[in-house]
Amino acid sequence: MRILLVLAHPLENSFAASVARTAKESLEAKGHTVDLLDLYRDGFDPRLTVAERGSYFDERYDSSEVSVWVDRLKAADGLMLVFPQWWFNFPAILKGFFDRVFAPGVAFDHDRAGGRIMPRLGNIKLFWALTSTGSPWWVVHLYMGNPVRRLLKRGIAAFCGKGLDFRMIALHDMDRVTEAKRKRHLERVRALVSRI
């Protein structure tokens, strides 16, 4: 399987970078091909351009400025996202990746008759998110309703693909966890990713 592993964190020595490294090693140990896309180090600009927004409902979306990333998404069999949750949401650079790359003619098509969107990412069979939150589990799930999971599963994954293996693995209360708990989480990631 060819996995596009997308890392969204500005710090090279972040816990998210450790999670991405662990996932990459585990996937490669199982014989998978990993295309690591580090959004910050690869210089991804999250800002939607005038041409992109202007062509959003046209017959042909202008993806010329993001064609390198579009090609990498189209070449993948699976997508694995690694990111922290800030303010119960995606980092801005990851949101921009969705806005610019998960676009008409790439991730979905507009249904001209009814306004619905039709999934187009038939190549993606696996859609996983490896994430962390600064808040405790109960705040994320009970108080906030786990908004990132809902957006990923019901929004992006469901609208862009069909029959995906969706999974979200989160470390909660990140701001207060011990080093031992971080290590246990990395081992959990290693074990779960090794089953792919």
C-alpha atoms as a PDB file:
ATOM      1  CA  MET A   1       0.000   0.000   0.000  1.00  0.00           C
ATOM      2  CA  ARG A   2       1.200   3.524  -0.758  1.00  0.00           C
ATOM      3  CA  ILE A   3       0.458   5.836   2.173  1.00  0.00           C
ATOM      4  CA  LEU A   4       0.528   9.615   2.018  1.00  0.00           C
ATOM      5  CA  LEU A   5       1.617  10.574   5.541  1.00  0.00           C
ATOM      6  CA  VAL A   6       0.824  14.242   6.170  1.00  0.00           C
ATOM      7  CA  LEU A   7       2.502  15.977   9.112  1.00  0.00           C
ATOM      8  CA  ALA A   8       1.181  19.364  10.261  1.00  0.00           C
ATOM      9  CA  HIS A   9       3.348  20.820  13.030  1.00  0.00           C
ATOM     10  CA  PRO A  10       5.799  23.740  12.879  1.00  0.00           C
ATOM     11  CA  LEU A  11       8.358  22.254  15.286  1.00  0.00           C
ATOM     12  CA  GLU A  12      10.725  19.570  14.001  1.00  0.00           C
ATOM     13  CA  ASN A  13      11.158  18.140  17.516  1.00  0.00           C
ATOM     14  CA  SER A  14       7.426  18.065  18.337  1.00  0.00           C
ATOM     15  CA  PHE A  15       5.553  15.059  19.678  1.00  0.00           C
ATOM     16  CA  ALA A  16       3.602  15.034  16.397  1.00  0.00           C
ATOM     17  CA  ALA A  17       6.906  14.606  14.542  1.00  0.00           C
ATOM     18  CA  SER A  18       7.688  11.628  16.815  1.00  0.00           C
ATOM     19  CA  VAL A  19       4.274  10.129  16.024  1.00  0.00           C
ATOM     20  CA  ALA A  20       4.862  10.612  12.280  1.00  0.00           C
ATOM     21  CA  ARG A  21       8.305   8.990  12.537  1.00  0.00           C
ATOM     22  CA  THR A  22       6.832   6.044  14.467  1.00  0.00           C
ATOM     23  CA  ALA A  23       4.030   5.587  11.932  1.00  0.00           C
ATOM     24  CA  LYS A  24       6.453   5.806   8.985  1.00  0.00           C
ATOM     25  CA  GLU A  25       8.835   3.236  10.493  1.00  0.00           C
ATOM     26  CA  SER A  26       5.955   0.870  11.309  1.00  0.00           C
ATOM     27  CA  LEU A  27       4.442   1.140   7.836  1.00  0.00           C
ATOM     28  CA  GLU A  28       7.758   0.614   6.083  1.00  0.00           C
ATOM     29  CA  ALA A  29       8.559  -2.361   8.323  1.00  0.00           C
ATOM     30  CA  LYS A  30       5.365  -3.967   6.993  1.00  0.00           C
ATOM     31  CA  GLY A  31       6.396  -3.331   3.380  1.00  0.00           C
ATOM     32  CA  HIS A  32       4.241  -0.272   2.697  1.00  0.00           C
ATOM     33  CA  THR A  33       5.556   2.688   0.707  1.00  0.00           C
ATOM     34  CA  VAL A  34       5.364   5.972   2.622  1.00  0.00           C
ATOM     35  CA  ASP A  35       5.273   9.402   1.017  1.00  0.00           C
ATOM     36  CA  LEU A  36       5.971  11.792   3.915  1.00  0.00           C
ATOM     37  CA  LEU A  37       4.487  15.232   3.314  1.00  0.00           C
ATOM     38  CA  ASP A  38       5.681  17.607   6.030  1.00  0.00           C
ATOM     39  CA  LEU A  39       3.526  20.635   5.274  1.00  0.00           C
ATOM     40  CA  TYR A  40       5.782  23.119   7.063  1.00  0.00           C
ATOM     41  CA  ARG A  41       9.117  21.814   5.799  1.00  0.00           C
ATOM     42  CA  ASP A  42       7.740  21.354   2.275  1.00  0.00           C
ATOM     43  CA  GLY A  43       6.674  25.006   2.190  1.00  0.00           C
ATOM     44  CA  PHE A  44       2.957  24.402   1.697  1.00  0.00           C
ATOM     45  CA  ASP A  45       1.013  27.689   1.526  1.00  0.00           C
ATOM     46  CA  PRO A  46      -2.436  27.148   3.096  1.00  0.00           C
ATOM     47  CA  ARG A  47      -3.980  30.264   1.548  1.00  0.00           C
ATOM     48  CA  LEU A  48      -6.602  29.637  -1.111  1.00  0.00           C
ATOM     49  CA  THR A  49      -5.719  31.712  -4.173  1.00  0.00           C
ATOM     50  CA  VAL A  50      -8.043  33.994  -6.131  1.00  0.00           C
ATOM     51  CA  ALA A  51      -7.821  31.620  -9.126  1.00  0.00           C
ATOM     52  CA  GLU A  52      -8.672  28.591  -6.972  1.00  0.00           C
ATOM     53  CA  ARG A  53     -11.704  30.165  -5.338  1.00  0.00           C
ATOM     54  CA  GLY A  54     -12.798  31.804  -8.579  1.00  0.00           C
ATOM     55  CA  SER A  55     -12.833  28.462 -10.397  1.00  0.00           C
ATOM     56  CA  TYR A  56     -14.411  26.443  -7.562  1.00  0.00           C
ATOM     57  CA  PHE A  57     -17.730  25.985  -9.373  1.00  0.00           C
ATOM     58  CA  ASP A  58     -16.386  26.194 -12.916  1.00  0.00           C
ATOM     59  CA  GLU A  59     -16.188  23.229 -15.260  1.00  0.00           C
ATOM     60  CA  ARG A  60     -12.496  22.911 -14.389  1.00  0.00           C
ATOM     61  CA  TYR A  61     -10.978  23.865 -11.036  1.00  0.00           C
ATOM     62  CA  ASP A  62      -7.618  25.641 -11.270  1.00  0.00           C
ATOM     63  CA  SER A  63      -5.321  23.399  -9.220  1.00  0.00           C
ATOM     64  CA  SER A  64      -2.172  24.468 -11.056  1.00  0.00           C
ATOM     65  CA  GLU A  65      -0.470  25.943  -7.976  1.00  0.00           C
ATOM     66  CA  VAL A  66      -1.040  22.801  -5.904  1.00  0.00           C
ATOM     67  CA  SER A  67      -0.591  20.198  -8.643  1.00  0.00           C
ATOM     68  CA  VAL A  68       2.429  18.618  -6.888  1.00  0.00           C
ATOM     69  CA  TRP A  69       0.336  17.896  -3.787  1.00  0.00           C
ATOM     70  CA  VAL A  70      -2.699  16.853  -5.834  1.00  0.00           C
ATOM     71  CA  ASP A  71      -0.545  14.317  -7.683  1.00  0.00           C
ATOM     72  CA  ARG A  72       0.741  12.907  -4.397  1.00  0.00           C
ATOM     73  CA  LEU A  73      -2.823  12.520  -3.074  1.00  0.00           C
ATOM     74  CA  LYS A  74      -3.958  10.836  -6.289  1.00  0.00           C
ATOM     75  CA  ALA A  75      -1.000   8.416  -6.174  1.00  0.00           C
ATOM     76  CA  ALA A  76      -1.846   7.241  -2.632  1.00  0.00           C
ATOM     77  CA  ASP A  77      -3.861   4.214  -1.532  1.00  0.00           C
ATOM     78  CA  GLY A  78      -4.142   5.542   1.997  1.00  0.00           C
ATOM     79  CA  LEU A  79      -3.976   8.830   3.852  1.00  0.00           C
ATOM     80  CA  MET A  80      -2.582   9.242   7.347  1.00  0.00           C
ATOM     81  CA  LEU A  81      -2.733  12.661   9.003  1.00  0.00           C
ATOM     82  CA  VAL A  82      -0.550  13.588  11.989  1.00  0.00           C
ATOM     83  CA  PHE A  83      -1.405  16.840  13.749  1.00  0.00           C
ATOM     84  CA  PRO A  84      -2.187  18.463  17.096  1.00  0.00           C
ATOM     85  CA  GLN A  85      -5.645  19.849  17.756  1.00  0.00           C
ATOM     86  CA  TRP A  86      -5.578  23.548  18.575  1.00  0.00           C
ATOM     87  CA  TRP A  87      -8.772  25.236  19.754  1.00  0.00           C
ATOM     88  CA  PHE A  88     -10.623  21.968  19.039  1.00  0.00           C
ATOM     89  CA  ASN A  89      -9.709  22.206  15.366  1.00  0.00           C
ATOM     90  CA  PHE A  90      -6.999  21.547  12.775  1.00  0.00           C
ATOM     91  CA  PRO A  91      -3.830  23.609  12.572  1.00  0.00           C
ATOM     92  CA  ALA A  92      -4.394  26.311   9.924  1.00  0.00           C
ATOM     93  CA  ILE A  93      -1.876  24.714   7.542  1.00  0.00           C
ATOM     94  CA  LEU A  94      -3.824  21.424   7.543  1.00  0.00           C
ATOM     95  CA  LYS A  95      -7.134  23.230   7.018  1.00  0.00           C
ATOM     96  CA  GLY A  96      -5.506  24.991   4.071  1.00  0.00           C
ATOM     97  CA  PHE A  97      -4.353  21.612   2.719  1.00  0.00           C
ATOM     98  CA  PHE A  98      -7.969  20.448   2.722  1.00  0.00           C
ATOM     99  CA  ASP A  99      -9.194  23.739   1.205  1.00  0.00           C
ATOM    100  CA  ARG A 100      -6.657  23.757  -1.628  1.00  0.00           C
ATOM    101  CA  VAL A 101      -5.961  20.075  -2.390  1.00  0.00           C
ATOM    102  CA  PHE A 102      -9.278  18.372  -1.527  1.00  0.00           C
ATOM    103  CA  ALA A 103     -10.906  20.374  -4.292  1.00  0.00           C
ATOM    104  CA  PRO A 104     -13.440  19.892  -7.094  1.00  0.00           C
ATOM    105  CA  GLY A 105     -12.178  17.508  -9.743  1.00  0.00           C
ATOM    106  CA  VAL A 106      -9.684  16.095  -7.235  1.00  0.00           C
ATOM    107  CA  ALA A 107     -11.472  14.899  -4.087  1.00  0.00           C
ATOM    108  CA  PHE A 108     -15.058  15.329  -5.279  1.00  0.00           C
ATOM    109  CA  ASP A 109     -17.245  16.525  -8.122  1.00  0.00           C
ATOM    110  CA  HIS A 110     -20.193  18.891  -7.901  1.00  0.00           C
ATOM    111  CA  ASP A 111     -23.533  17.355  -8.828  1.00  0.00           C
ATOM    112  CA  ARG A 112     -24.695  19.964 -11.339  1.00  0.00           C
ATOM    113  CA  ALA A 113     -28.342  18.945 -10.928  1.00  0.00           C
ATOM    114  CA  GLY A 114     -28.707  19.028  -7.174  1.00  0.00           C
ATOM    115  CA  GLY A 115     -25.789  20.827  -5.582  1.00  0.00           C
ATOM    116  CA  ARG A 116     -24.535  17.738  -3.752  1.00  0.00           C
ATOM    117  CA  ILE A 117     -20.962  16.626  -4.015  1.00  0.00           C
ATOM    118  CA  MET A 118     -19.916  13.214  -5.307  1.00  0.00           C
ATOM    119  CA  PRO A 119     -16.842  11.437  -3.899  1.00  0.00           C
ATOM    120  CA  ARG A 120     -13.895  11.144  -6.252  1.00  0.00           C
ATOM    121  CA  LEU A 121     -11.053   9.749  -4.127  1.00  0.00           C
ATOM    122  CA  GLY A 122     -11.676   6.125  -5.040  1.00  0.00           C
ATOM    123  CA  ASN A 123      -7.964   5.433  -4.719  1.00  0.00           C
ATOM    124  CA  ILE A 124      -7.997   6.138  -0.956  1.00  0.00           C
ATOM    125  CA  LYS A 125      -8.952   3.040   1.029  1.00  0.00           C
ATOM    126  CA  LEU A 126      -7.499   4.031   4.403  1.00  0.00           C
ATOM    127  CA  PHE A 127      -7.997   7.368   6.188  1.00  0.00           C
ATOM    128  CA  TRP A 128      -6.392   7.636   9.617  1.00  0.00           C
ATOM    129  CA  ALA A 129      -5.740  10.590  11.904  1.00  0.00           C
ATOM    130  CA  LEU A 130      -3.030  10.451  14.573  1.00  0.00           C
ATOM    131  CA  THR A 131      -3.579  13.443  16.814  1.00  0.00           C
ATOM    132  CA  SER A 132      -3.229  14.969  20.255  1.00  0.00           C
ATOM    133  CA  THR A 133      -5.284  17.420  22.277  1.00  0.00           C
ATOM    134  CA  GLY A 134      -4.378  19.672  25.178  1.00  0.00           C
ATOM    135  CA  SER A 135      -7.750  18.973  26.766  1.00  0.00           C
ATOM    136  CA  PRO A 136      -8.796  15.920  28.778  1.00  0.00           C
ATOM    137  CA  TRP A 137     -10.879  13.201  27.109  1.00  0.00           C
ATOM    138  CA  TRP A 138     -14.119  14.297  28.775  1.00  0.00           C
ATOM    139  CA  VAL A 139     -13.805  17.891  27.534  1.00  0.00           C
ATOM    140  CA  VAL A 140     -13.180  16.777  23.946  1.00  0.00           C
ATOM    141  CA  HIS A 141     -15.904  14.109  23.872  1.00  0.00           C
ATOM    142  CA  LEU A 142     -18.589  15.178  26.329  1.00  0.00           C
ATOM    143  CA  TYR A 143     -18.369  18.961  26.320  1.00  0.00           C
ATOM    144  CA  MET A 144     -17.215  19.667  22.735  1.00  0.00           C
ATOM    145  CA  GLY A 145     -18.649  16.598  20.984  1.00  0.00           C
ATOM    146  CA  ASN A 146     -15.301  15.614  19.405  1.00  0.00           C
ATOM    147  CA  PRO A 147     -15.512  18.157  16.542  1.00  0.00           C
ATOM    148  CA  VAL A 148     -12.320  17.120  14.727  1.00  0.00           C
ATOM    149  CA  ARG A 149     -13.420  13.496  14.494  1.00  0.00           C
ATOM    150  CA  ARG A 150     -16.831  14.573  13.199  1.00  0.00           C
ATOM    151  CA  LEU A 151     -15.296  16.861  10.578  1.00  0.00           C
ATOM    152  CA  LEU A 152     -12.867  14.206   9.391  1.00  0.00           C
ATOM    153  CA  LYS A 153     -15.233  11.237   9.377  1.00  0.00           C
ATOM    154  CA  ARG A 154     -18.596  12.748   8.430  1.00  0.00           C
ATOM    155  CA  GLY A 155     -17.267  15.586   6.347  1.00  0.00           C
ATOM    156  CA  ILE A 156     -13.991  15.066   4.571  1.00  0.00           C
ATOM    157  CA  ALA A 157     -13.772  11.245   4.496  1.00  0.00           C
ATOM    158  CA  ALA A 158     -17.466  10.599   3.746  1.00  0.00           C
ATOM    159  CA  PHE A 159     -17.758  13.325   1.112  1.00  0.00           C
ATOM    160  CA  CYS A 160     -14.532  12.437  -0.691  1.00  0.00           C
ATOM    161  CA  GLY A 161     -14.346   8.632  -0.519  1.00  0.00           C
ATOM    162  CA  LYS A 162     -16.474   5.534  -0.049  1.00  0.00           C
ATOM    163  CA  GLY A 163     -15.970   2.529   2.205  1.00  0.00           C
ATOM    164  CA  LEU A 164     -12.863   3.963   3.829  1.00  0.00           C
ATOM    165  CA  ASP A 165     -11.081   2.387   6.772  1.00  0.00           C
ATOM    166  CA  PHE A 166     -11.416   5.449   9.037  1.00  0.00           C
ATOM    167  CA  ARG A 167      -9.679   5.644  12.384  1.00  0.00           C
ATOM    168  CA  MET A 168      -8.652   8.413  14.760  1.00  0.00           C
ATOM    169  CA  ILE A 169      -6.073   7.752  17.462  1.00  0.00           C
ATOM    170  CA  ALA A 170      -5.686  10.568  19.980  1.00  0.00           C
ATOM    171  CA  LEU A 171      -3.571  11.354  23.002  1.00  0.00           C
ATOM    172  CA  HIS A 172      -5.637  13.583  25.291  1.00  0.00           C
ATOM    173  CA  ASP A 173      -4.494  16.011  27.982  1.00  0.00           C
ATOM    174  CA  MET A 174      -1.213  16.395  26.106  1.00  0.00           C
ATOM    175  CA  ASP A 175      -0.122  19.451  28.084  1.00  0.00           C
ATOM    176  CA  ARG A 176       0.019  17.412  31.281  1.00  0.00           C
ATOM    177  CA  VAL A 177       1.018  13.899  30.223  1.00  0.00           C
ATOM    178  CA  THR A 178       4.188  12.333  31.521  1.00  0.00           C
ATOM    179  CA  GLU A 179       7.077  11.132  29.400  1.00  0.00           C
ATOM    180  CA  ALA A 180       6.059   7.567  30.249  1.00  0.00           C
ATOM    181  CA  LYS A 181       2.563   8.163  28.889  1.00  0.00           C
ATOM    182  CA  ARG A 182       3.985   9.681  25.705  1.00  0.00           C
ATOM    183  CA  LYS A 183       6.136   6.575  25.211  1.00  0.00           C
ATOM    184  CA  ARG A 184       3.111   4.316  25.795  1.00  0.00           C
ATOM    185  CA  HIS A 185       1.162   6.281  23.205  1.00  0.00           C
ATOM    186  CA  LEU A 186       3.959   5.896  20.643  1.00  0.00           C
ATOM    187  CA  GLU A 187       3.940   2.151  21.297  1.00  0.00           C
ATOM    188  CA  ARG A 188       0.159   2.123  20.826  1.00  0.00           C
ATOM    189  CA  VAL A 189       0.577   3.942  17.493  1.00  0.00           C
ATOM    190  CA  ARG A 190       3.306   1.478  16.477  1.00  0.00           C
ATOM    191  CA  ALA A 191       1.131  -1.529  17.347  1.00  0.00           C
ATOM    192  CA  LEU A 192      -1.995  -0.238  15.596  1.00  0.00           C
ATOM    193  CA  VAL A 193      -0.199   0.946  12.454  1.00  0.00           C
ATOM    194  CA  SER A 194       1.648  -2.376  12.248  1.00  0.00           C
ATOM    195  CA  ARG A 195      -1.705  -4.111  11.711  1.00  0.00           C
ATOM    196  CA  ILE A 196      -2.332  -2.282   8.432  1.00  0.00           C
END
